[in-house]
Amino acid sequence: MMFEDFFDTDVIEEVKRNTKTKTEFGLTVQGWEVVYTNVKCQLSAGILRATETGVINSSKNSYKIFVSNDVEIKQNDILIVNKGGIKYKFKANKPIKYTDFLEHQEISVEEVEKNET
């Protein structure tokens, strides 16, 4: 059974990583670089949970993304995910890789505002 048969319901359109590069003049430039495009995945939404007591509208969905181990997602990468035509923007937490009969990785992600990157 292949991973793709299970987890190809949704698409990570872009994985962006904050990278630092040195210019020819020795300056360090920081910016967002697209490291992957069109990665098949499955986006799973968890239950609502309150993030802070006493704050209005403080509930957040908890989301997880299941994706092949072939993709090297790193903590703090920004993922643009398309699920059924709706686009979501997430920040990745540290991936957990599974290497049992169904190799895949599970990434808990947080939804971020559209203008954060």
N, C-alpha and C. Protein backbone atom coordinates (compact mmCIF):
# COMPACT_ATOMS: atom_id res chain seq x y z
N MET A 1 0.85 -1.18 0.00
CA MET A 1 0.00 0.00 0.00
C MET A 1 0.89 1.24 0.00
N MET A 2 0.64 2.13 -0.91
CA MET A 2 1.49 3.32 -1.02
C MET A 2 0.89 4.48 -0.22
N PHE A 3 1.78 5.30 0.30
CA PHE A 3 1.37 6.49 1.04
C PHE A 3 0.42 7.34 0.23
N GLU A 4 0.74 7.50 -1.06
CA GLU A 4 -0.04 8.39 -1.92
C GLU A 4 -1.50 7.97 -2.01
N ASP A 5 -1.76 6.67 -1.85
CA ASP A 5 -3.15 6.20 -1.93
C ASP A 5 -3.97 6.71 -0.75
N PHE A 6 -3.32 6.96 0.36
CA PHE A 6 -4.02 7.42 1.55
C PHE A 6 -4.15 8.93 1.60
N PHE A 7 -3.03 9.61 1.36
CA PHE A 7 -2.93 11.01 1.73
C PHE A 7 -2.82 11.93 0.54
N ASP A 8 -3.63 11.72 -0.47
CA ASP A 8 -3.53 12.62 -1.63
C ASP A 8 -4.81 13.40 -1.84
N THR A 9 -5.53 13.68 -0.75
CA THR A 9 -6.80 14.40 -0.88
C THR A 9 -6.59 15.90 -1.06
N ASP A 10 -5.47 16.41 -0.56
CA ASP A 10 -5.22 17.85 -0.55
C ASP A 10 -3.83 18.14 -1.11
N VAL A 11 -3.53 19.41 -1.29
CA VAL A 11 -2.25 19.79 -1.90
C VAL A 11 -1.60 20.92 -1.10
N ILE A 12 -0.31 20.74 -0.78
CA ILE A 12 0.47 21.86 -0.28
C ILE A 12 0.98 22.58 -1.52
N GLU A 13 0.42 23.75 -1.82
CA GLU A 13 0.79 24.45 -3.05
C GLU A 13 2.20 25.00 -2.96
N GLU A 14 2.57 25.47 -1.77
CA GLU A 14 3.92 26.01 -1.58
C GLU A 14 4.41 25.73 -0.17
N VAL A 15 5.68 25.38 -0.07
CA VAL A 15 6.37 25.34 1.22
C VAL A 15 7.42 26.45 1.16
N LYS A 16 7.30 27.42 2.06
CA LYS A 16 8.25 28.54 2.08
C LYS A 16 9.11 28.44 3.33
N ARG A 17 10.40 28.71 3.15
CA ARG A 17 11.34 28.63 4.25
C ARG A 17 12.08 29.95 4.38
N ASN A 18 12.27 30.38 5.61
CA ASN A 18 13.02 31.60 5.87
C ASN A 18 14.50 31.26 5.78
N THR A 19 15.18 31.80 4.79
CA THR A 19 16.58 31.46 4.57
C THR A 19 17.46 32.70 4.67
N LYS A 20 18.70 32.45 5.02
CA LYS A 20 19.69 33.53 5.05
C LYS A 20 20.75 33.20 4.00
N THR A 21 21.05 34.16 3.16
CA THR A 21 22.10 33.95 2.16
C THR A 21 23.04 35.14 2.19
N LYS A 22 24.27 34.88 1.83
CA LYS A 22 25.26 35.95 1.75
C LYS A 22 25.35 36.45 0.32
N THR A 23 25.35 37.75 0.14
CA THR A 23 25.51 38.33 -1.19
C THR A 23 26.99 38.34 -1.56
N GLU A 24 27.25 38.68 -2.81
CA GLU A 24 28.64 38.76 -3.25
C GLU A 24 29.43 39.82 -2.48
N PHE A 25 28.71 40.75 -1.83
CA PHE A 25 29.38 41.81 -1.07
C PHE A 25 29.52 41.43 0.41
N GLY A 26 29.14 40.20 0.76
CA GLY A 26 29.29 39.74 2.14
C GLY A 26 28.15 40.11 3.06
N LEU A 27 27.09 40.69 2.51
CA LEU A 27 25.92 41.03 3.33
C LEU A 27 25.04 39.79 3.49
N THR A 28 24.45 39.64 4.65
CA THR A 28 23.52 38.54 4.87
C THR A 28 22.10 39.04 4.58
N VAL A 29 21.43 38.35 3.70
CA VAL A 29 20.07 38.72 3.32
C VAL A 29 19.13 37.61 3.79
N GLN A 30 18.06 38.03 4.46
CA GLN A 30 17.09 37.07 4.95
C GLN A 30 15.82 37.21 4.13
N GLY A 31 15.21 36.08 3.78
CA GLY A 31 13.97 36.16 3.00
C GLY A 31 13.29 34.81 2.91
N TRP A 32 12.09 34.83 2.38
CA TRP A 32 11.31 33.60 2.22
C TRP A 32 11.59 33.00 0.85
N GLU A 33 11.90 31.71 0.85
CA GLU A 33 12.22 31.01 -0.39
C GLU A 33 11.26 29.83 -0.53
N VAL A 34 10.70 29.65 -1.71
CA VAL A 34 9.82 28.50 -1.95
C VAL A 34 10.71 27.28 -2.16
N VAL A 35 10.54 26.26 -1.30
CA VAL A 35 11.39 25.07 -1.38
C VAL A 35 10.67 23.87 -1.98
N TYR A 36 9.34 23.85 -1.95
CA TYR A 36 8.55 22.79 -2.58
C TYR A 36 7.28 23.41 -3.15
N THR A 37 6.75 22.80 -4.21
CA THR A 37 5.44 23.18 -4.72
C THR A 37 4.65 21.91 -5.03
N ASN A 38 3.32 22.03 -4.93
CA ASN A 38 2.39 20.96 -5.30
C ASN A 38 2.73 19.60 -4.70
N VAL A 39 2.75 19.56 -3.36
CA VAL A 39 3.00 18.33 -2.63
C VAL A 39 1.67 17.75 -2.18
N LYS A 40 1.42 16.49 -2.52
CA LYS A 40 0.17 15.85 -2.09
C LYS A 40 0.21 15.61 -0.60
N CYS A 41 -0.94 15.83 0.04
CA CYS A 41 -0.99 15.70 1.50
C CYS A 41 -2.44 15.43 1.91
N GLN A 42 -2.62 15.30 3.21
CA GLN A 42 -3.97 15.31 3.76
C GLN A 42 -3.99 16.28 4.92
N LEU A 43 -4.92 17.21 4.87
CA LEU A 43 -5.10 18.19 5.95
C LEU A 43 -6.23 17.70 6.84
N SER A 44 -5.95 17.61 8.11
CA SER A 44 -6.94 17.13 9.07
C SER A 44 -7.18 18.22 10.11
N ALA A 45 -8.44 18.57 10.34
CA ALA A 45 -8.77 19.60 11.32
C ALA A 45 -9.22 18.93 12.60
N GLY A 46 -8.62 19.36 13.71
CA GLY A 46 -9.00 18.83 15.01
C GLY A 46 -10.13 19.63 15.63
N ILE A 47 -10.30 19.44 16.91
CA ILE A 47 -11.38 20.13 17.61
C ILE A 47 -10.94 21.52 18.01
N LEU A 48 -11.92 22.36 18.26
CA LEU A 48 -11.62 23.71 18.75
C LEU A 48 -11.10 23.63 20.17
N ARG A 49 -10.11 24.44 20.46
CA ARG A 49 -9.61 24.49 21.83
C ARG A 49 -9.37 25.95 22.21
N ALA A 50 -9.59 26.26 23.43
CA ALA A 50 -9.35 27.63 23.89
C ALA A 50 -7.85 27.82 24.08
N THR A 51 -7.33 28.92 23.57
CA THR A 51 -5.89 29.16 23.69
C THR A 51 -5.56 29.93 24.95
N GLU A 52 -6.38 30.89 25.31
CA GLU A 52 -6.15 31.65 26.54
C GLU A 52 -7.49 31.92 27.19
N THR A 53 -7.51 31.88 28.49
CA THR A 53 -8.77 32.19 29.17
C THR A 53 -8.92 33.70 29.24
N GLY A 54 -10.15 34.15 29.13
CA GLY A 54 -10.43 35.56 29.27
C GLY A 54 -10.17 36.39 28.02
N VAL A 55 -9.81 35.76 26.94
CA VAL A 55 -9.58 36.50 25.69
C VAL A 55 -10.70 36.18 24.73
N ILE A 56 -11.31 37.21 24.18
CA ILE A 56 -12.42 36.99 23.24
C ILE A 56 -11.88 36.37 21.95
N ASN A 57 -12.64 35.46 21.38
CA ASN A 57 -12.26 34.79 20.12
C ASN A 57 -10.89 34.13 20.22
N SER A 58 -10.63 33.46 21.34
CA SER A 58 -9.31 32.88 21.51
C SER A 58 -9.26 31.40 21.14
N SER A 59 -10.38 30.86 20.65
CA SER A 59 -10.36 29.46 20.24
C SER A 59 -9.66 29.31 18.90
N LYS A 60 -8.98 28.17 18.76
CA LYS A 60 -8.29 27.90 17.49
C LYS A 60 -8.54 26.47 17.10
N ASN A 61 -8.62 26.24 15.81
CA ASN A 61 -8.64 24.86 15.35
C ASN A 61 -7.24 24.30 15.49
N SER A 62 -7.15 23.02 15.79
CA SER A 62 -5.84 22.38 15.72
C SER A 62 -5.82 21.61 14.40
N TYR A 63 -4.79 21.82 13.63
CA TYR A 63 -4.68 21.19 12.31
C TYR A 63 -3.46 20.29 12.27
N LYS A 64 -3.58 19.22 11.51
CA LYS A 64 -2.43 18.36 11.23
C LYS A 64 -2.36 18.13 9.73
N ILE A 65 -1.13 18.01 9.24
CA ILE A 65 -0.92 17.67 7.84
C ILE A 65 -0.15 16.36 7.80
N PHE A 66 -0.65 15.44 6.99
CA PHE A 66 0.02 14.16 6.78
C PHE A 66 0.64 14.21 5.39
N VAL A 67 1.92 13.87 5.31
CA VAL A 67 2.63 14.00 4.04
C VAL A 67 3.72 12.93 3.97
N SER A 68 4.18 12.65 2.77
CA SER A 68 5.21 11.65 2.55
C SER A 68 6.52 12.04 3.23
N ASN A 69 7.28 11.05 3.65
CA ASN A 69 8.61 11.29 4.25
C ASN A 69 9.61 11.81 3.23
N ASP A 70 9.27 11.77 1.94
CA ASP A 70 10.18 12.27 0.91
C ASP A 70 10.36 13.78 0.98
N VAL A 71 9.39 14.45 1.61
CA VAL A 71 9.42 15.91 1.67
C VAL A 71 10.05 16.33 2.99
N GLU A 72 11.00 17.24 2.93
CA GLU A 72 11.71 17.68 4.14
C GLU A 72 11.11 18.99 4.64
N ILE A 73 10.04 18.87 5.44
CA ILE A 73 9.41 20.04 6.03
C ILE A 73 10.14 20.35 7.33
N LYS A 74 10.41 21.62 7.58
CA LYS A 74 11.10 22.01 8.81
C LYS A 74 10.20 22.87 9.67
N GLN A 75 10.51 22.88 10.97
CA GLN A 75 9.76 23.72 11.90
C GLN A 75 9.85 25.17 11.42
N ASN A 76 8.72 25.88 11.50
CA ASN A 76 8.57 27.29 11.11
C ASN A 76 8.44 27.51 9.60
N ASP A 77 8.48 26.45 8.80
CA ASP A 77 8.16 26.61 7.38
C ASP A 77 6.72 27.10 7.26
N ILE A 78 6.44 27.86 6.21
CA ILE A 78 5.08 28.32 5.93
C ILE A 78 4.52 27.43 4.82
N LEU A 79 3.32 26.88 5.06
CA LEU A 79 2.69 25.97 4.10
C LEU A 79 1.39 26.59 3.60
N ILE A 80 1.26 26.69 2.28
CA ILE A 80 0.01 27.13 1.68
C ILE A 80 -0.70 25.85 1.21
N VAL A 81 -1.84 25.55 1.84
CA VAL A 81 -2.53 24.28 1.59
C VAL A 81 -3.87 24.54 0.92
N ASN A 82 -4.17 23.76 -0.11
CA ASN A 82 -5.45 23.84 -0.80
C ASN A 82 -6.25 22.59 -0.46
N LYS A 83 -7.38 22.79 0.21
CA LYS A 83 -8.28 21.68 0.54
C LYS A 83 -9.64 21.99 -0.05
N GLY A 84 -10.02 21.25 -1.06
CA GLY A 84 -11.32 21.45 -1.69
C GLY A 84 -11.53 22.84 -2.24
N GLY A 85 -10.44 23.45 -2.74
CA GLY A 85 -10.55 24.78 -3.33
C GLY A 85 -10.40 25.92 -2.33
N ILE A 86 -10.32 25.59 -1.05
CA ILE A 86 -10.12 26.62 -0.03
C ILE A 86 -8.64 26.62 0.36
N LYS A 87 -8.05 27.81 0.40
CA LYS A 87 -6.63 27.91 0.73
C LYS A 87 -6.44 28.28 2.19
N TYR A 88 -5.49 27.61 2.81
CA TYR A 88 -5.11 27.87 4.20
C TYR A 88 -3.63 28.19 4.23
N LYS A 89 -3.24 29.00 5.21
CA LYS A 89 -1.83 29.32 5.39
C LYS A 89 -1.44 28.90 6.80
N PHE A 90 -0.42 28.04 6.89
CA PHE A 90 -0.02 27.48 8.17
C PHE A 90 1.46 27.68 8.43
N LYS A 91 1.80 27.65 9.71
CA LYS A 91 3.20 27.58 10.13
C LYS A 91 3.41 26.19 10.71
N ALA A 92 4.47 25.51 10.27
CA ALA A 92 4.72 24.13 10.68
C ALA A 92 5.40 24.06 12.04
N ASN A 93 4.98 23.10 12.83
CA ASN A 93 5.72 22.72 14.02
C ASN A 93 6.68 21.58 13.62
N LYS A 94 7.41 21.05 14.57
CA LYS A 94 8.38 20.01 14.25
C LYS A 94 7.68 18.75 13.76
N PRO A 95 8.05 18.24 12.58
CA PRO A 95 7.40 17.04 12.04
C PRO A 95 7.75 15.79 12.85
N ILE A 96 6.81 14.86 12.89
CA ILE A 96 7.05 13.54 13.49
C ILE A 96 7.01 12.54 12.34
N LYS A 97 8.11 11.80 12.16
CA LYS A 97 8.18 10.84 11.05
C LYS A 97 7.88 9.44 11.55
N TYR A 98 7.08 8.72 10.77
CA TYR A 98 6.76 7.32 11.07
C TYR A 98 7.37 6.45 9.98
N THR A 99 7.98 5.35 10.40
CA THR A 99 8.63 4.47 9.41
C THR A 99 8.10 3.05 9.52
N ASP A 100 6.88 2.91 10.02
CA ASP A 100 6.28 1.57 10.11
C ASP A 100 5.70 1.17 8.76
N PHE A 101 4.69 0.33 8.75
CA PHE A 101 4.17 -0.19 7.48
C PHE A 101 3.67 0.91 6.55
N LEU A 102 3.28 2.04 7.11
CA LEU A 102 2.81 3.16 6.29
C LEU A 102 3.70 4.36 6.59
N GLU A 103 4.77 4.51 5.82
CA GLU A 103 5.73 5.59 6.08
C GLU A 103 5.10 6.93 5.74
N HIS A 104 5.16 7.84 6.70
CA HIS A 104 4.65 9.20 6.48
C HIS A 104 5.13 10.08 7.61
N GLN A 105 4.85 11.35 7.49
CA GLN A 105 5.12 12.26 8.60
C GLN A 105 3.88 13.05 8.94
N GLU A 106 3.79 13.39 10.20
CA GLU A 106 2.64 14.12 10.70
C GLU A 106 3.18 15.46 11.21
N ILE A 107 2.56 16.54 10.75
CA ILE A 107 3.02 17.86 11.13
C ILE A 107 1.85 18.62 11.73
N SER A 108 1.97 18.99 13.00
CA SER A 108 0.94 19.86 13.54
C SER A 108 1.27 21.27 13.09
N VAL A 109 0.25 21.99 12.69
CA VAL A 109 0.44 23.32 12.10
C VAL A 109 -0.49 24.32 12.75
N GLU A 110 -0.10 25.59 12.70
CA GLU A 110 -0.94 26.67 13.22
C GLU A 110 -1.32 27.58 12.07
N GLU A 111 -2.58 27.95 12.03
CA GLU A 111 -3.03 28.87 10.98
C GLU A 111 -2.42 30.24 11.25
N VAL A 112 -1.93 30.89 10.20
CA VAL A 112 -1.36 32.21 10.36
C VAL A 112 -2.12 33.20 9.49
N GLU A 113 -2.01 34.46 9.83
CA GLU A 113 -2.68 35.49 9.05
C GLU A 113 -2.04 35.59 7.68
N LYS A 114 -2.84 35.93 6.71
CA LYS A 114 -2.37 35.99 5.32
C LYS A 114 -1.18 36.94 5.13
N ASN A 115 -1.10 37.97 5.96
CA ASN A 115 -0.05 38.98 5.74
C ASN A 115 1.22 38.74 6.54
N GLU A 116 1.34 37.55 7.18
CA GLU A 116 2.53 37.33 8.01
C GLU A 116 3.79 37.04 7.19
N THR A 117 3.63 36.63 5.94
CA THR A 117 4.83 36.43 5.11
C THR A 117 4.56 36.97 3.72
